[in-house]
Protein backbone atom coordinates (compact mmCIF):
# COMPACT_ATOMS: atom_id res chain seq x y z
CA MET A 1 102.10 79.27 139.49
CA ASP A 2 101.68 83.40 140.27
CA LYS A 3 104.90 83.95 139.15
CA ILE A 4 104.45 82.11 136.02
CA LYS A 5 101.18 84.24 135.17
CA GLU A 6 102.61 87.76 136.60
CA ARG A 7 105.83 87.00 134.27
CA PHE A 8 103.10 85.71 131.85
CA THR A 9 101.12 88.84 132.02
CA ILE A 10 104.48 91.09 132.40
CA LEU A 11 105.51 89.49 129.15
CA GLY A 12 102.03 90.10 127.25
CA GLN A 13 102.18 94.11 128.69
CA LYS A 14 106.33 94.35 126.81
CA ILE A 15 105.33 92.15 123.96
CA GLU A 16 102.23 95.14 123.63
CA ALA A 17 104.22 98.44 124.52
CA ALA A 18 106.75 96.69 121.53
CA GLU A 19 103.66 96.60 119.15
CA THR A 20 103.12 99.87 119.69
CA ARG A 21 106.16 101.57 119.32
CA ALA A 22 106.40 99.45 116.00
CA GLU A 23 103.42 101.12 114.82
CA ALA A 24 104.38 104.79 115.93
CA ALA A 25 107.98 104.24 114.18
CA GLU A 26 106.12 102.35 110.81
CA ALA A 27 103.79 105.26 110.51
CA GLU A 28 107.04 107.42 111.08
CA ASN A 29 108.87 105.88 108.06
CA LYS A 30 105.47 106.40 106.09
CA LYS A 31 105.59 110.03 107.19
CA LEU A 32 109.24 110.80 106.63
CA THR A 33 108.22 108.88 103.43
CA GLN A 34 106.11 110.53 101.86
CA ASN A 35 107.82 114.23 102.69
CA LEU A 36 110.54 112.46 101.02
CA LEU A 37 108.90 111.90 97.91
CA GLU A 38 107.17 115.62 98.15
CA ARG A 39 110.46 117.10 97.86
CA GLU A 40 111.53 114.41 95.16
CA GLN A 41 108.85 116.71 93.45
CA GLU A 42 110.28 120.24 95.10
CA ASN A 43 113.46 119.52 93.73
CA SER A 44 112.20 118.29 89.84
CA SER A 45 110.62 120.88 89.38
CA LEU A 46 113.12 123.66 90.61
CA GLN A 47 115.31 121.88 88.43
CA HIS A 48 112.86 121.83 85.00
CA LYS A 49 113.01 125.55 86.48
CA LEU A 50 116.10 126.10 86.11
CA SER A 51 116.84 124.40 83.01
CA LEU A 52 114.17 126.64 81.52
CA ALA A 53 115.83 129.59 83.33
CA GLU A 54 118.90 128.55 81.66
CA ALA A 55 118.03 128.18 78.21
CA ASP A 56 116.44 131.62 78.97
CA VAL A 57 119.79 133.02 79.35
CA GLU A 58 121.13 131.71 76.47
CA LYS A 59 118.30 132.70 73.82
CA TYR A 60 119.00 136.24 75.87
CA GLU A 61 122.44 136.30 75.18
CA ASP A 62 121.69 135.47 71.80
CA GLN A 63 119.50 138.54 71.49
CA ILE A 64 122.14 140.54 72.62
CA LYS A 65 124.90 138.88 70.95
CA ASN A 66 122.47 139.31 67.95
CA LEU A 67 121.21 143.05 68.80
CA LYS A 68 124.79 143.86 69.44
CA ASN A 69 125.97 143.27 65.68
CA ALA A 70 122.82 145.23 64.09
CA SER A 71 123.43 148.03 65.79
CA GLU A 72 127.02 148.06 64.72
CA GLU A 73 125.85 147.54 61.29
CA GLY A 74 122.58 150.46 62.01
CA GLU A 75 125.04 153.13 63.29
CA THR A 76 124.53 154.80 60.04
CA HIS A 77 121.32 155.53 61.53
CA LYS A 78 120.99 157.38 64.70
CA THR A 79 117.22 157.03 64.91
CA THR A 80 117.69 153.24 64.48
CA GLY A 81 120.29 152.64 67.10
CA GLU A 82 119.41 154.33 69.20
CA ASN A 83 116.30 152.08 69.56
CA LEU A 84 118.56 148.99 69.44
CA ALA A 85 120.41 150.14 72.27
CA ARG A 86 116.92 150.19 74.47
CA LYS A 87 116.10 146.73 73.29
CA VAL A 88 119.56 146.15 74.39
CA GLN A 89 119.16 147.68 77.40
CA LEU A 90 116.35 146.04 78.01
CA LEU A 91 117.36 142.72 77.36
CA GLU A 92 120.34 143.23 79.59
CA GLU A 93 118.16 144.13 82.30
CA GLU A 94 116.34 141.23 81.68
CA LEU A 95 119.62 139.05 81.35
CA ASP A 96 120.19 140.22 85.23
CA LYS A 97 117.14 138.96 86.15
CA ALA A 98 117.64 135.81 84.87
CA GLU A 99 120.55 135.27 86.27
CA LYS A 100 119.91 136.64 89.65
CA ASP A 101 116.37 133.74 89.03
CA LEU A 102 119.21 131.50 87.96
CA LYS A 103 121.01 131.95 91.18
CA ASP A 104 117.81 132.12 93.37
CA THR A 105 116.91 128.82 91.73
CA THR A 106 120.20 127.07 91.67
CA GLU A 107 120.43 127.35 95.71
CA LYS A 108 116.57 127.09 96.27
CA LEU A 109 118.13 123.46 94.60
CA ARG A 110 120.85 122.99 97.08
CA LEU A 111 118.57 123.99 100.18
CA VAL A 112 116.28 121.05 98.69
CA ASP A 113 119.15 118.68 98.09
CA VAL A 114 120.67 119.52 102.08
CA LYS A 115 116.88 118.58 103.15
CA ALA A 116 116.32 115.54 100.91
CA GLU A 117 119.94 114.77 102.52
CA ASP A 118 118.89 115.34 105.57
CA PHE A 119 115.50 113.71 104.86
CA GLU A 120 117.30 110.12 103.88
CA ARG A 121 119.19 109.82 106.37
CA ARG A 122 116.42 110.39 108.68
CA LEU A 123 114.39 107.51 107.03
CA GLN A 124 117.41 105.11 107.29
CA SER A 125 118.03 105.65 110.91
CA VAL A 126 114.01 105.06 111.33
CA GLN A 127 114.31 101.93 109.19
CA GLN A 128 117.38 100.99 111.77
CA GLU A 129 114.74 101.55 114.04
CA ARG A 130 112.13 99.64 112.82
CA ASP A 131 114.41 96.85 112.16
CA GLN A 132 115.37 97.16 115.22
CA TRP A 133 112.29 97.02 117.46
CA GLU A 134 111.21 94.19 114.41
CA GLN A 135 114.12 91.93 115.87
CA LYS A 136 113.29 92.69 119.27
CA TYR A 137 109.37 92.35 118.51
CA GLU A 138 110.10 88.73 117.13
CA GLU A 139 112.66 87.94 120.16
CA VAL A 140 110.36 88.81 122.87
CA SER A 141 107.30 86.55 120.11
CA GLU A 142 109.71 83.50 120.68
CA LYS A 143 110.45 83.14 124.27
CA LEU A 144 106.38 83.76 124.58
CA ARG A 145 106.88 80.44 122.67
CA GLN A 146 108.89 78.70 124.48
CA SER A 147 107.55 80.23 127.97
CA LYS A 148 104.25 78.78 127.07
CA LYS A 149 105.53 75.07 125.52
CA GLU A 150 107.16 75.03 129.24
CA LEU A 151 104.29 76.11 130.65
CA ASP A 152 101.98 73.45 129.13
CA GLU A 153 104.22 70.82 129.89
CA LEU A 154 104.72 72.01 133.20
CA VAL A 155 100.85 71.56 133.25
CA GLY A 156 101.21 68.13 132.37
CA GLN A 157 103.75 67.08 134.37
CA MET A 158 101.31 68.52 137.16
CA GLU A 159 97.94 67.04 135.38
CA SER A 160 100.43 63.62 135.63
CA LEU A 161 100.87 63.58 139.01
């Protein structure tokens, strides 16, 4: 009888420990899911910035083409040509800056993608661990129910004696 009580006590402790670990795993899962959502939002933001930068690059390229054409047509007007050359220089500098920004944004996007993949792998791992803990919890619960049933049968037999 004492062994059965001791066994129930041990099973109860194991169940409590399993529940604690399951709660911790669920909390970690929730944290990682939130972190993944934040990374996805950051990824979306960076993709939007990238599309804006690409649009600026196209706009600046068009402006450069227009200014170069105007420069060719206005060679007879030296003052106008010099002004256009300065504008072209400024636009090329802006284009260089935009291309640098595009490169930086692309690199950041790549890093975010790598981080997102890492978080997805971690999330899958945590979910698998949670599933294993839930399965262990169900097994332990079933063993506990069986043990209680056996104990009740044993108590019934002892009472009938």
